[in-house]
Each structure stands twice: as C-alpha cells, then as structure tokens.
PDB file of all heavy atoms in Angstrom:
ATOM      1  N   ALA A   1      -6.787  15.394  -1.056  1.00  0.00           N
ATOM      2  CA  ALA A   1      -5.900  14.155  -1.296  1.00  0.00           C
ATOM      3  C   ALA A   1      -6.751  13.046  -1.916  1.00  0.00           C
ATOM      4  O   ALA A   1      -6.269  12.211  -2.823  1.00  0.00           O
ATOM      5  CB  ALA A   1      -5.245  13.796  -0.004  1.00  0.00           C
ATOM      6  N   ASP A   2      -8.000  12.882  -1.544  1.00  0.00           N
ATOM      7  CA  ASP A   2      -8.823  11.893  -2.061  1.00  0.00           C
ATOM      8  C   ASP A   2      -9.034  11.966  -3.580  1.00  0.00           C
ATOM      9  O   ASP A   2      -8.812  11.105  -4.379  1.00  0.00           O
ATOM     10  CB  ASP A   2     -10.189  11.779  -1.495  1.00  0.00           C
ATOM     11  CG  ASP A   2     -10.103  11.404   0.051  1.00  0.00           C
ATOM     12  OD1 ASP A   2      -9.087  10.797   0.497  1.00  0.00           O
ATOM     13  OD2 ASP A   2     -11.082  11.635   0.819  1.00  0.00           O
ATOM     14  N   GLU A   3      -9.235  13.198  -3.988  1.00  0.00           N
ATOM     15  CA  GLU A   3      -9.498  13.473  -5.507  1.00  0.00           C
ATOM     16  C   GLU A   3      -8.147  13.293  -6.250  1.00  0.00           C
ATOM     17  O   GLU A   3      -8.209  12.763  -7.314  1.00  0.00           O
ATOM     18  CB  GLU A   3     -10.015  14.867  -5.779  1.00  0.00           C
ATOM     19  CG  GLU A   3     -11.533  15.000  -5.235  1.00  0.00           C
ATOM     20  CD  GLU A   3     -11.645  15.527  -3.753  1.00  0.00           C
ATOM     21  OE1 GLU A   3     -10.638  15.185  -3.017  1.00  0.00           O
ATOM     22  OE2 GLU A   3     -12.639  16.019  -3.392  1.00  0.00           O
ATOM     23  N   LEU A   4      -6.954  13.638  -5.562  1.00  0.00           N
ATOM     24  CA  LEU A   4      -5.777  13.429  -6.114  1.00  0.00           C
ATOM     25  C   LEU A   4      -5.321  12.009  -6.298  1.00  0.00           C
ATOM     26  O   LEU A   4      -5.093  11.573  -7.453  1.00  0.00           O
ATOM     27  CB  LEU A   4      -4.693  14.127  -5.357  1.00  0.00           C
ATOM     28  CG  LEU A   4      -3.123  13.955  -5.699  1.00  0.00           C
ATOM     29  CD1 LEU A   4      -2.977  14.448  -7.157  1.00  0.00           C
ATOM     30  CD2 LEU A   4      -2.245  14.514  -4.714  1.00  0.00           C
ATOM     31  N   GLU A   5      -5.702  11.149  -5.398  1.00  0.00           N
ATOM     32  CA  GLU A   5      -5.438   9.827  -5.578  1.00  0.00           C
ATOM     33  C   GLU A   5      -6.384   9.111  -6.703  1.00  0.00           C
ATOM     34  O   GLU A   5      -5.823   8.381  -7.451  1.00  0.00           O
ATOM     35  CB  GLU A   5      -5.700   8.983  -4.189  1.00  0.00           C
ATOM     36  CG  GLU A   5      -4.543   9.420  -3.172  1.00  0.00           C
ATOM     37  CD  GLU A   5      -4.527   8.367  -2.125  1.00  0.00           C
ATOM     38  OE1 GLU A   5      -5.335   8.507  -1.114  1.00  0.00           O
ATOM     39  OE2 GLU A   5      -3.706   7.451  -2.120  1.00  0.00           O
ATOM     40  N   GLN A   6      -7.627   9.629  -6.749  1.00  0.00           N
ATOM     41  CA  GLN A   6      -8.506   9.106  -7.690  1.00  0.00           C
ATOM     42  C   GLN A   6      -7.989   9.393  -9.144  1.00  0.00           C
ATOM     43  O   GLN A   6      -8.100   8.647 -10.107  1.00  0.00           O
ATOM     44  CB  GLN A   6      -9.912   9.669  -7.499  1.00  0.00           C
ATOM     45  CG  GLN A   6     -10.614   9.138  -6.227  1.00  0.00           C
ATOM     46  CD  GLN A   6     -11.956   9.708  -6.021  1.00  0.00           C
ATOM     47  OE1 GLN A   6     -12.729   9.958  -6.956  1.00  0.00           O
ATOM     48  NE2 GLN A   6     -12.168  10.442  -4.863  1.00  0.00           N
ATOM     49  N   LEU A   7      -7.473  10.662  -9.214  1.00  0.00           N
ATOM     50  CA  LEU A   7      -7.051  11.247 -10.504  1.00  0.00           C
ATOM     51  C   LEU A   7      -5.723  10.481 -10.927  1.00  0.00           C
ATOM     52  O   LEU A   7      -5.667  10.177 -12.168  1.00  0.00           O
ATOM     53  CB  LEU A   7      -6.695  12.768 -10.416  1.00  0.00           C
ATOM     54  CG  LEU A   7      -6.353  13.462 -11.862  1.00  0.00           C
ATOM     55  CD1 LEU A   7      -7.425  13.182 -12.829  1.00  0.00           C
ATOM     56  CD2 LEU A   7      -6.204  14.983 -11.563  1.00  0.00           C
ATOM     57  N   LEU A   8      -4.887  10.289 -10.034  1.00  0.00           N
ATOM     58  CA  LEU A   8      -3.716   9.529 -10.269  1.00  0.00           C
ATOM     59  C   LEU A   8      -3.918   8.025 -10.800  1.00  0.00           C
ATOM     60  O   LEU A   8      -3.328   7.540 -11.792  1.00  0.00           O
ATOM     61  CB  LEU A   8      -2.679   9.480  -9.159  1.00  0.00           C
ATOM     62  CG  LEU A   8      -2.007  10.731  -8.797  1.00  0.00           C
ATOM     63  CD1 LEU A   8      -1.361  10.680  -7.462  1.00  0.00           C
ATOM     64  CD2 LEU A   8      -0.922  11.214  -9.698  1.00  0.00           C
ATOM     65  N   THR A   9      -4.897   7.515 -10.093  1.00  0.00           N
ATOM     66  CA  THR A   9      -5.334   6.093 -10.599  1.00  0.00           C
ATOM     67  C   THR A   9      -5.878   6.199 -12.019  1.00  0.00           C
ATOM     68  O   THR A   9      -5.706   5.330 -12.776  1.00  0.00           O
ATOM     69  CB  THR A   9      -6.301   5.613  -9.596  1.00  0.00           C
ATOM     70  OG1 THR A   9      -5.723   5.530  -8.240  1.00  0.00           O
ATOM     71  CG2 THR A   9      -6.942   4.059  -9.899  1.00  0.00           C
ATOM     72  N   GLN A  10      -6.752   7.173 -12.123  1.00  0.00           N
ATOM     73  CA  GLN A  10      -7.343   7.298 -13.488  1.00  0.00           C
ATOM     74  C   GLN A  10      -6.348   7.588 -14.668  1.00  0.00           C
ATOM     75  O   GLN A  10      -6.502   7.059 -15.755  1.00  0.00           O
ATOM     76  CB  GLN A  10      -8.361   8.570 -13.569  1.00  0.00           C
ATOM     77  CG  GLN A  10      -9.174   8.798 -14.882  1.00  0.00           C
ATOM     78  CD  GLN A  10     -10.123   9.990 -14.610  1.00  0.00           C
ATOM     79  OE1 GLN A  10     -10.889   9.845 -13.709  1.00  0.00           O
ATOM     80  NE2 GLN A  10     -10.152  10.815 -15.584  1.00  0.00           N
ATOM     81  N   LEU A  11      -5.249   8.137 -14.276  1.00  0.00           N
ATOM     82  CA  LEU A  11      -4.098   8.365 -15.284  1.00  0.00           C
ATOM     83  C   LEU A  11      -3.144   7.129 -15.312  1.00  0.00           C
ATOM     84  O   LEU A  11      -2.060   7.213 -15.883  1.00  0.00           O
ATOM     85  CB  LEU A  11      -3.326   9.701 -14.746  1.00  0.00           C
ATOM     86  CG  LEU A  11      -4.142  10.959 -14.936  1.00  0.00           C
ATOM     87  CD1 LEU A  11      -3.355  12.117 -14.269  1.00  0.00           C
ATOM     88  CD2 LEU A  11      -4.408  11.298 -16.410  1.00  0.00           C
ATOM     89  N   HIS A  12      -3.512   6.021 -14.554  1.00  0.00           N
ATOM     90  CA  HIS A  12      -2.843   4.879 -14.592  1.00  0.00           C
ATOM     91  C   HIS A  12      -1.377   5.029 -13.743  1.00  0.00           C
ATOM     92  O   HIS A  12      -0.441   4.219 -14.154  1.00  0.00           O
ATOM     93  CB  HIS A  12      -2.519   4.372 -16.051  1.00  0.00           C
ATOM     94  CG  HIS A  12      -3.903   4.243 -16.812  1.00  0.00           C
ATOM     95  ND1 HIS A  12      -4.849   3.365 -16.479  1.00  0.00           N
ATOM     96  CD2 HIS A  12      -4.204   5.088 -17.888  1.00  0.00           C
ATOM     97  CE1 HIS A  12      -5.753   3.461 -17.410  1.00  0.00           C
ATOM     98  NE2 HIS A  12      -5.395   4.508 -18.303  1.00  0.00           N
ATOM     99  N   TYR A  13      -1.419   5.780 -12.759  1.00  0.00           N
ATOM    100  CA  TYR A  13      -0.289   5.684 -11.949  1.00  0.00           C
ATOM    101  C   TYR A  13      -0.522   4.710 -10.765  1.00  0.00           C
ATOM    102  O   TYR A  13      -1.696   4.631 -10.289  1.00  0.00           O
ATOM    103  CB  TYR A  13       0.006   7.178 -11.177  1.00  0.00           C
ATOM    104  CG  TYR A  13       0.619   8.047 -12.135  1.00  0.00           C
ATOM    105  CD1 TYR A  13      -0.129   8.591 -13.248  1.00  0.00           C
ATOM    106  CD2 TYR A  13       1.991   8.373 -12.084  1.00  0.00           C
ATOM    107  CE1 TYR A  13       0.393   9.438 -14.182  1.00  0.00           C
ATOM    108  CE2 TYR A  13       2.476   9.225 -13.083  1.00  0.00           C
ATOM    109  CZ  TYR A  13       1.671   9.799 -13.991  1.00  0.00           C
ATOM    110  OH  TYR A  13       2.321  10.655 -15.082  1.00  0.00           O
ATOM    111  N   GLN A  14       0.382   4.012 -10.438  1.00  0.00           N
ATOM    112  CA  GLN A  14       0.352   2.848  -9.349  1.00  0.00           C
ATOM    113  C   GLN A  14       1.203   3.225  -8.215  1.00  0.00           C
ATOM    114  O   GLN A  14       2.162   3.871  -8.197  1.00  0.00           O
ATOM    115  CB  GLN A  14       0.700   1.588  -9.835  1.00  0.00           C
ATOM    116  CG  GLN A  14      -0.173   1.081 -11.053  1.00  0.00           C
ATOM    117  CD  GLN A  14       0.219  -0.452 -11.403  1.00  0.00           C
ATOM    118  OE1 GLN A  14       1.486  -0.532 -11.769  1.00  0.00           O
ATOM    119  NE2 GLN A  14      -0.649  -1.415 -11.366  1.00  0.00           N
ATOM    120  N   LYS A  15       0.674   2.884  -6.937  1.00  0.00           N
ATOM    121  CA  LYS A  15       1.356   3.166  -5.675  1.00  0.00           C
ATOM    122  C   LYS A  15       2.224   2.040  -5.475  1.00  0.00           C
ATOM    123  O   LYS A  15       1.754   0.812  -5.177  1.00  0.00           O
ATOM    124  CB  LYS A  15       0.374   3.311  -4.555  1.00  0.00           C
ATOM    125  CG  LYS A  15       0.876   4.061  -3.372  1.00  0.00           C
ATOM    126  CD  LYS A  15      -0.274   4.390  -2.402  1.00  0.00           C
ATOM    127  CE  LYS A  15       0.292   5.322  -1.346  1.00  0.00           C
ATOM    128  NZ  LYS A  15      -0.877   5.590  -0.377  1.00  0.00           N
ATOM    129  N   ILE A  16       3.499   2.099  -5.620  1.00  0.00           N
ATOM    130  CA  ILE A  16       4.501   1.208  -5.464  1.00  0.00           C
ATOM    131  C   ILE A  16       5.488   1.614  -4.213  1.00  0.00           C
ATOM    132  O   ILE A  16       5.990   2.706  -4.336  1.00  0.00           O
ATOM    133  CB  ILE A  16       5.341   0.930  -6.626  1.00  0.00           C
ATOM    134  CG1 ILE A  16       4.317   0.463  -7.778  1.00  0.00           C
ATOM    135  CG2 ILE A  16       6.455  -0.207  -6.482  1.00  0.00           C
ATOM    136  CD1 ILE A  16       5.085   0.286  -9.111  1.00  0.00           C
ATOM    137  N   ASP A  17       5.616   0.881  -3.176  1.00  0.00           N
ATOM    138  CA  ASP A  17       6.423   1.204  -2.092  1.00  0.00           C
ATOM    139  C   ASP A  17       5.899   2.596  -1.475  1.00  0.00           C
ATOM    140  O   ASP A  17       6.775   3.366  -1.063  1.00  0.00           O
ATOM    141  CB  ASP A  17       7.894   1.274  -2.355  1.00  0.00           C
ATOM    142  CG  ASP A  17       8.466  -0.095  -2.835  1.00  0.00           C
ATOM    143  OD1 ASP A  17       7.986  -1.122  -2.293  1.00  0.00           O
ATOM    144  OD2 ASP A  17       9.257  -0.202  -3.605  1.00  0.00           O
ATOM    145  N   GLY A  18       4.620   2.753  -1.539  1.00  0.00           N
ATOM    146  CA  GLY A  18       4.083   3.972  -0.927  1.00  0.00           C
ATOM    147  C   GLY A  18       4.073   5.293  -1.864  1.00  0.00           C
ATOM    148  O   GLY A  18       3.824   6.321  -1.458  1.00  0.00           O
ATOM    149  N   ILE A  19       4.616   5.130  -3.070  1.00  0.00           N
ATOM    150  CA  ILE A  19       4.792   6.219  -3.914  1.00  0.00           C
ATOM    151  C   ILE A  19       4.143   6.112  -5.340  1.00  0.00           C
ATOM    152  O   ILE A  19       4.330   4.986  -5.917  1.00  0.00           O
ATOM    153  CB  ILE A  19       6.341   6.492  -4.092  1.00  0.00           C
ATOM    154  CG1 ILE A  19       6.968   6.779  -2.777  1.00  0.00           C
ATOM    155  CG2 ILE A  19       6.484   7.783  -5.103  1.00  0.00           C
ATOM    156  CD1 ILE A  19       8.516   6.758  -3.047  1.00  0.00           C
ATOM    157  N   TYR A  20       3.339   7.049  -5.592  1.00  0.00           N
ATOM    158  CA  TYR A  20       2.663   6.910  -7.063  1.00  0.00           C
ATOM    159  C   TYR A  20       3.575   7.062  -8.104  1.00  0.00           C
ATOM    160  O   TYR A  20       4.438   7.982  -8.013  1.00  0.00           O
ATOM    161  CB  TYR A  20       1.535   7.921  -7.109  1.00  0.00           C
ATOM    162  CG  TYR A  20       0.261   7.505  -6.378  1.00  0.00           C
ATOM    163  CD1 TYR A  20       0.080   7.949  -5.098  1.00  0.00           C
ATOM    164  CD2 TYR A  20      -0.680   6.601  -7.018  1.00  0.00           C
ATOM    165  CE1 TYR A  20      -1.167   7.515  -4.445  1.00  0.00           C
ATOM    166  CE2 TYR A  20      -1.842   6.211  -6.319  1.00  0.00           C
ATOM    167  CZ  TYR A  20      -2.101   6.777  -5.101  1.00  0.00           C
ATOM    168  OH  TYR A  20      -3.156   6.356  -4.463  1.00  0.00           O
ATOM    169  N   GLN A  21       3.600   6.185  -9.123  1.00  0.00           N
ATOM    170  CA  GLN A  21       4.494   6.187 -10.198  1.00  0.00           C
ATOM    171  C   GLN A  21       3.945   5.580 -11.526  1.00  0.00           C
ATOM    172  O   GLN A  21       2.949   4.838 -11.461  1.00  0.00           O
ATOM    173  CB  GLN A  21       5.893   5.568  -9.861  1.00  0.00           C
ATOM    174  CG  GLN A  21       5.641   4.193  -9.235  1.00  0.00           C
ATOM    175  CD  GLN A  21       7.043   3.782  -8.457  1.00  0.00           C
ATOM    176  OE1 GLN A  21       7.893   3.332  -9.167  1.00  0.00           O
ATOM    177  NE2 GLN A  21       6.916   3.992  -7.218  1.00  0.00           N
ATOM    178  N   HIS A  22       4.556   5.960 -12.603  1.00  0.00           N
ATOM    179  CA  HIS A  22       4.121   5.389 -13.930  1.00  0.00           C
ATOM    180  C   HIS A  22       5.347   4.931 -14.604  1.00  0.00           C
ATOM    181  O   HIS A  22       6.496   5.482 -14.536  1.00  0.00           O
ATOM    182  CB  HIS A  22       3.402   6.528 -14.736  1.00  0.00           C
ATOM    183  CG  HIS A  22       2.699   6.020 -15.906  1.00  0.00           C
ATOM    184  ND1 HIS A  22       3.418   5.745 -17.152  1.00  0.00           N
ATOM    185  CD2 HIS A  22       1.364   5.965 -16.096  1.00  0.00           C
ATOM    186  CE1 HIS A  22       2.505   5.451 -18.048  1.00  0.00           C
ATOM    187  NE2 HIS A  22       1.206   5.432 -17.427  1.00  0.00           N
ATOM    188  N   PRO A  23       5.352   3.881 -15.322  1.00  0.00           N
ATOM    189  CA  PRO A  23       6.565   3.336 -16.104  1.00  0.00           C
ATOM    190  C   PRO A  23       7.039   4.367 -17.048  1.00  0.00           C
ATOM    191  O   PRO A  23       8.315   4.224 -17.504  1.00  0.00           O
ATOM    192  CB  PRO A  23       6.035   1.966 -16.671  1.00  0.00           C
ATOM    193  CG  PRO A  23       4.632   2.004 -16.777  1.00  0.00           C
ATOM    194  CD  PRO A  23       4.271   2.869 -15.625  1.00  0.00           C
ATOM    195  N   SER A  24       6.392   5.182 -17.700  1.00  0.00           N
ATOM    196  CA  SER A  24       6.807   6.043 -18.786  1.00  0.00           C
ATOM    197  C   SER A  24       6.381   7.397 -18.835  1.00  0.00           C
ATOM    198  O   SER A  24       6.738   8.146 -19.645  1.00  0.00           O
ATOM    199  CB  SER A  24       6.258   5.407 -20.074  1.00  0.00           C
ATOM    200  OG  SER A  24       4.830   5.369 -20.261  1.00  0.00           O
ATOM    201  N   ARG A  25       5.676   7.799 -17.713  1.00  0.00           N
ATOM    202  CA  ARG A  25       5.153   9.174 -17.578  1.00  0.00           C
ATOM    203  C   ARG A  25       5.663   9.881 -16.391  1.00  0.00           C
ATOM    204  O   ARG A  25       5.946   9.183 -15.390  1.00  0.00           O
ATOM    205  CB  ARG A  25       3.710   9.303 -17.906  1.00  0.00           C
ATOM    206  CG  ARG A  25       3.186   8.797 -19.178  1.00  0.00           C
ATOM    207  CD  ARG A  25       1.724   8.871 -19.445  1.00  0.00           C
ATOM    208  NE  ARG A  25       1.344  10.301 -19.578  1.00  0.00           N
ATOM    209  CZ  ARG A  25       1.289  10.932 -20.845  1.00  0.00           C
ATOM    210  NH1 ARG A  25       1.899  10.216 -21.872  1.00  0.00           N
ATOM    211  NH2 ARG A  25       1.026  12.050 -20.893  1.00  0.00           N
ATOM    212  N   LYS A  26       5.371  11.175 -16.249  1.00  0.00           N
ATOM    213  CA  LYS A  26       5.709  11.907 -15.075  1.00  0.00           C
ATOM    214  C   LYS A  26       4.758  12.990 -14.780  1.00  0.00           C
ATOM    215  O   LYS A  26       4.162  13.551 -15.772  1.00  0.00           O
ATOM    216  CB  LYS A  26       7.127  12.515 -15.158  1.00  0.00           C
ATOM    217  CG  LYS A  26       7.657  13.277 -13.928  1.00  0.00           C
ATOM    218  CD  LYS A  26       9.061  13.765 -14.152  1.00  0.00           C
ATOM    219  CE  LYS A  26      10.035  12.745 -14.280  1.00  0.00           C
ATOM    220  NZ  LYS A  26      11.436  13.336 -14.202  1.00  0.00           N
ATOM    221  N   ILE A  27       4.434  13.071 -13.560  1.00  0.00           N
ATOM    222  CA  ILE A  27       3.395  14.244 -13.311  1.00  0.00           C
ATOM    223  C   ILE A  27       4.164  15.615 -13.178  1.00  0.00           C
ATOM    224  O   ILE A  27       5.251  15.692 -12.677  1.00  0.00           O
ATOM    225  CB  ILE A  27       2.802  13.951 -11.950  1.00  0.00           C
ATOM    226  CG1 ILE A  27       1.855  12.712 -11.960  1.00  0.00           C
ATOM    227  CG2 ILE A  27       1.927  15.244 -11.483  1.00  0.00           C
ATOM    228  CD1 ILE A  27       0.652  12.908 -12.865  1.00  0.00           C
ATOM    229  N   ILE A  28       3.543  16.698 -13.480  1.00  0.00           N
ATOM    230  CA  ILE A  28       3.976  18.046 -13.224  1.00  0.00           C
ATOM    231  C   ILE A  28       2.932  18.824 -12.486  1.00  0.00           C
ATOM    232  O   ILE A  28       1.771  18.773 -12.972  1.00  0.00           O
ATOM    233  CB  ILE A  28       4.423  18.807 -14.505  1.00  0.00           C
ATOM    234  CG1 ILE A  28       5.447  18.179 -15.291  1.00  0.00           C
ATOM    235  CG2 ILE A  28       4.857  20.191 -14.068  1.00  0.00           C
ATOM    236  CD1 ILE A  28       5.882  18.840 -16.518  1.00  0.00           C
ATOM    237  N   PHE A  29       3.168  19.181 -11.241  1.00  0.00           N
ATOM    238  CA  PHE A  29       2.166  19.852 -10.439  1.00  0.00           C
ATOM    239  C   PHE A  29       2.305  21.316 -10.558  1.00  0.00           C
ATOM    240  O   PHE A  29       3.487  21.850 -10.547  1.00  0.00           O
ATOM    241  CB  PHE A  29       2.279  19.457  -8.930  1.00  0.00           C
ATOM    242  CG  PHE A  29       2.007  18.018  -8.629  1.00  0.00           C
ATOM    243  CD1 PHE A  29       2.947  17.076  -8.367  1.00  0.00           C
ATOM    244  CD2 PHE A  29       0.731  17.574  -8.545  1.00  0.00           C
ATOM    245  CE1 PHE A  29       2.845  15.813  -8.040  1.00  0.00           C
ATOM    246  CE2 PHE A  29       0.437  16.246  -8.270  1.00  0.00           C
ATOM    247  CZ  PHE A  29       1.436  15.381  -8.030  1.00  0.00           C
ATOM    248  N   VAL A  30       1.338  22.144 -10.698  1.00  0.00           N
ATOM    249  CA  VAL A  30       1.418  23.489 -10.876  1.00  0.00           C
ATOM    250  C   VAL A  30       1.320  24.348  -9.449  1.00  0.00           C
ATOM    251  O   VAL A  30       1.298  25.494  -9.693  1.00  0.00           O
ATOM    252  CB  VAL A  30       0.330  24.124 -11.911  1.00  0.00           C
ATOM    253  CG1 VAL A  30       0.483  23.454 -13.241  1.00  0.00           C
ATOM    254  CG2 VAL A  30      -1.013  24.042 -11.269  1.00  0.00           C
ATOM    255  N   GLY A  31       1.397  23.740  -8.437  1.00  0.00           N
ATOM    256  CA  GLY A  31       1.395  24.361  -7.107  1.00  0.00           C
ATOM    257  C   GLY A  31       0.044  24.492  -6.447  1.00  0.00           C
ATOM    258  O   GLY A  31      -0.916  24.054  -7.026  1.00  0.00           O
ATOM    259  N   ASP A  32       0.067  25.142  -5.288  1.00  0.00           N
ATOM    260  CA  ASP A  32      -1.054  25.235  -4.369  1.00  0.00           C
ATOM    261  C   ASP A  32      -1.613  23.928  -3.911  1.00  0.00           C
ATOM    262  O   ASP A  32      -2.700  23.398  -4.285  1.00  0.00           O
ATOM    263  CB  ASP A  32      -2.218  26.062  -5.161  1.00  0.00           C
ATOM    264  CG  ASP A  32      -2.053  27.473  -4.886  1.00  0.00           C
ATOM    265  OD1 ASP A  32      -0.966  27.892  -4.553  1.00  0.00           O
ATOM    266  OD2 ASP A  32      -2.995  28.252  -5.364  1.00  0.00           O
TER     267      ASP A  32
END
C-alpha cells in the first residue's frame, strides 16, 4: 500500500474525502 500511495501521488492523484482521484484521468488495476 505504501508504494501504491507513492505511485498515485507521482501520477498526480489526490486524496479527497479519503479517496484517490484525478480530475481527468482514471486508474485501471490489473489485479493481484
């Protein structure tokens, strides 16, 4: 989870109301 949060921050996702989000992009997770 720590690496995931670092990566999301690097990709310019912000935690708003406890949920990471981006104004114009969306994550796709490949599982596992």
